[in-house]
Amino acid sequence: MDRLPNQDVTTGYNELQQAQVSIKSAQKMIGAATMSMDEEQLQSATEALSQAKQQLTAAQNQATGVDTEFLQQCEQLLSQCETQLTQAKQ
């Protein structure tokens, strides 16, 4: 089982699962923030996106080669999230 950084918590998720959960969370936060256009929510969504990117990078560093398609889908989702958030901030 994996341990969260700086915490003594065991998650039971591997890097890929953690990346997927982080991306889904960012998607939901970005969706809510762009609908409300609340400045605080937009900032939280930006932080969630950043964390999801970090989690994806960690997963890519642990990739075995059979995860390529999954990782590409994750990159595409994050790119869409980033585009949505950028457009909302303009």
C-alpha atoms as a PDB file:
ATOM      1  CA  MET A   1       0.000   0.000   0.000  1.00  0.00           C
ATOM      2  CA  ASP A   2       1.121   3.505  -0.715  1.00  0.00           C
ATOM      3  CA  ARG A   3       1.704   6.185   1.857  1.00  0.00           C
ATOM      4  CA  LEU A   4       0.708   9.767   1.315  1.00  0.00           C
ATOM      5  CA  PRO A   5       3.643  12.193   1.432  1.00  0.00           C
ATOM      6  CA  ASN A   6       4.218  13.788   4.826  1.00  0.00           C
ATOM      7  CA  GLN A   7       1.430  11.714   6.355  1.00  0.00           C
ATOM      8  CA  ASP A   8       1.224   8.384   8.050  1.00  0.00           C
ATOM      9  CA  VAL A   9      -1.820   7.264   6.075  1.00  0.00           C
ATOM     10  CA  THR A  10      -2.007   4.146   3.927  1.00  0.00           C
ATOM     11  CA  THR A  11      -4.279   4.592   0.904  1.00  0.00           C
ATOM     12  CA  GLY A  12      -4.298   1.210  -0.791  1.00  0.00           C
ATOM     13  CA  TYR A  13      -4.140   2.971  -4.170  1.00  0.00           C
ATOM     14  CA  ASN A  14      -1.277   2.730  -6.589  1.00  0.00           C
ATOM     15  CA  GLU A  15       0.050   5.756  -8.483  1.00  0.00           C
ATOM     16  CA  LEU A  16      -2.356   5.243 -11.401  1.00  0.00           C
ATOM     17  CA  GLN A  17      -5.406   5.073  -9.173  1.00  0.00           C
ATOM     18  CA  GLN A  18      -4.273   8.114  -7.213  1.00  0.00           C
ATOM     19  CA  ALA A  19      -3.816  10.045 -10.465  1.00  0.00           C
ATOM     20  CA  GLN A  20      -7.276   9.017 -11.657  1.00  0.00           C
ATOM     21  CA  VAL A  21      -8.939  10.089  -8.400  1.00  0.00           C
ATOM     22  CA  SER A  22      -7.038  13.369  -8.405  1.00  0.00           C
ATOM     23  CA  ILE A  23      -8.066  14.118 -11.996  1.00  0.00           C
ATOM     24  CA  LYS A  24     -11.732  13.327 -11.328  1.00  0.00           C
ATOM     25  CA  SER A  25     -11.660  15.588  -8.297  1.00  0.00           C
ATOM     26  CA  ALA A  26     -10.081  18.401 -10.304  1.00  0.00           C
ATOM     27  CA  GLN A  27     -12.693  17.956 -13.036  1.00  0.00           C
ATOM     28  CA  LYS A  28     -15.535  18.336 -10.550  1.00  0.00           C
ATOM     29  CA  MET A  29     -13.959  21.339  -8.855  1.00  0.00           C
ATOM     30  CA  ILE A  30     -13.286  23.049 -12.173  1.00  0.00           C
ATOM     31  CA  GLY A  31     -16.838  22.388 -13.324  1.00  0.00           C
ATOM     32  CA  ALA A  32     -18.298  23.900 -10.163  1.00  0.00           C
ATOM     33  CA  ALA A  33     -15.892  26.848 -10.227  1.00  0.00           C
ATOM     34  CA  THR A  34     -16.562  27.709 -13.863  1.00  0.00           C
ATOM     35  CA  MET A  35     -20.305  27.544 -13.320  1.00  0.00           C
ATOM     36  CA  SER A  36     -20.240  29.820 -10.280  1.00  0.00           C
ATOM     37  CA  MET A  37     -17.320  31.989 -11.428  1.00  0.00           C
ATOM     38  CA  ASP A  38     -16.527  32.488  -7.736  1.00  0.00           C
ATOM     39  CA  GLU A  39     -12.936  33.720  -7.344  1.00  0.00           C
ATOM     40  CA  GLU A  40     -12.248  31.462  -4.357  1.00  0.00           C
ATOM     41  CA  GLN A  41     -13.570  28.385  -6.166  1.00  0.00           C
ATOM     42  CA  LEU A  42     -11.511  29.245  -9.241  1.00  0.00           C
ATOM     43  CA  GLN A  43      -8.397  29.415  -7.053  1.00  0.00           C
ATOM     44  CA  SER A  44      -9.221  26.089  -5.409  1.00  0.00           C
ATOM     45  CA  ALA A  45      -9.815  24.558  -8.833  1.00  0.00           C
ATOM     46  CA  THR A  46      -6.437  25.865  -9.998  1.00  0.00           C
ATOM     47  CA  GLU A  47      -4.775  24.208  -7.006  1.00  0.00           C
ATOM     48  CA  ALA A  48      -6.657  20.954  -7.647  1.00  0.00           C
ATOM     49  CA  LEU A  49      -5.480  21.011 -11.262  1.00  0.00           C
ATOM     50  CA  SER A  50      -1.910  21.523 -10.128  1.00  0.00           C
ATOM     51  CA  GLN A  51      -2.155  18.617  -7.697  1.00  0.00           C
ATOM     52  CA  ALA A  52      -3.660  16.403 -10.403  1.00  0.00           C
ATOM     53  CA  LYS A  53      -0.746  17.249 -12.698  1.00  0.00           C
ATOM     54  CA  GLN A  54       1.715  16.331  -9.949  1.00  0.00           C
ATOM     55  CA  GLN A  55      -0.098  13.074  -9.339  1.00  0.00           C
ATOM     56  CA  LEU A  56      -0.044  12.271 -13.062  1.00  0.00           C
ATOM     57  CA  THR A  57       3.681  12.976 -13.196  1.00  0.00           C
ATOM     58  CA  ALA A  58       4.207  10.578 -10.293  1.00  0.00           C
ATOM     59  CA  ALA A  59       2.165   7.937 -12.120  1.00  0.00           C
ATOM     60  CA  GLN A  60       4.158   8.476 -15.311  1.00  0.00           C
ATOM     61  CA  ASN A  61       7.373   7.980 -13.361  1.00  0.00           C
ATOM     62  CA  GLN A  62       6.052   4.606 -12.177  1.00  0.00           C
ATOM     63  CA  ALA A  63       4.670   3.579 -15.591  1.00  0.00           C
ATOM     64  CA  THR A  64       5.363   0.065 -16.752  1.00  0.00           C
ATOM     65  CA  GLY A  65       4.705   0.569 -20.456  1.00  0.00           C
ATOM     66  CA  VAL A  66       1.300  -1.107 -20.449  1.00  0.00           C
ATOM     67  CA  ASP A  67      -0.209   2.046 -18.946  1.00  0.00           C
ATOM     68  CA  THR A  68       0.512   4.269 -21.947  1.00  0.00           C
ATOM     69  CA  GLU A  69      -3.063   4.555 -23.222  1.00  0.00           C
ATOM     70  CA  PHE A  70      -4.423   5.289 -19.751  1.00  0.00           C
ATOM     71  CA  LEU A  71      -1.778   7.950 -19.141  1.00  0.00           C
ATOM     72  CA  GLN A  72      -2.519   9.575 -22.499  1.00  0.00           C
ATOM     73  CA  GLN A  73      -6.220   9.734 -21.612  1.00  0.00           C
ATOM     74  CA  CYS A  74      -5.310  11.336 -18.297  1.00  0.00           C
ATOM     75  CA  GLU A  75      -3.144  13.913 -20.065  1.00  0.00           C
ATOM     76  CA  GLN A  76      -6.003  14.697 -22.436  1.00  0.00           C
ATOM     77  CA  LEU A  77      -8.460  15.144 -19.554  1.00  0.00           C
ATOM     78  CA  LEU A  78      -6.068  17.469 -17.748  1.00  0.00           C
ATOM     79  CA  SER A  79      -5.547  19.460 -20.917  1.00  0.00           C
ATOM     80  CA  GLN A  80      -9.320  19.880 -21.290  1.00  0.00           C
ATOM     81  CA  CYS A  81      -9.596  20.922 -17.647  1.00  0.00           C
ATOM     82  CA  GLU A  82      -6.815  23.441 -18.036  1.00  0.00           C
ATOM     83  CA  THR A  83      -8.448  24.903 -21.153  1.00  0.00           C
ATOM     84  CA  GLN A  84     -11.808  25.194 -19.397  1.00  0.00           C
ATOM     85  CA  LEU A  85     -10.258  26.875 -16.371  1.00  0.00           C
ATOM     86  CA  THR A  86      -8.159  29.253 -18.479  1.00  0.00           C
ATOM     87  CA  GLN A  87     -11.188  30.321 -20.490  1.00  0.00           C
ATOM     88  CA  ALA A  88     -13.202  30.894 -17.329  1.00  0.00           C
ATOM     89  CA  LYS A  89     -10.501  33.157 -15.905  1.00  0.00           C
ATOM     90  CA  GLN A  90     -10.440  35.381 -18.988  1.00  0.00           C
END
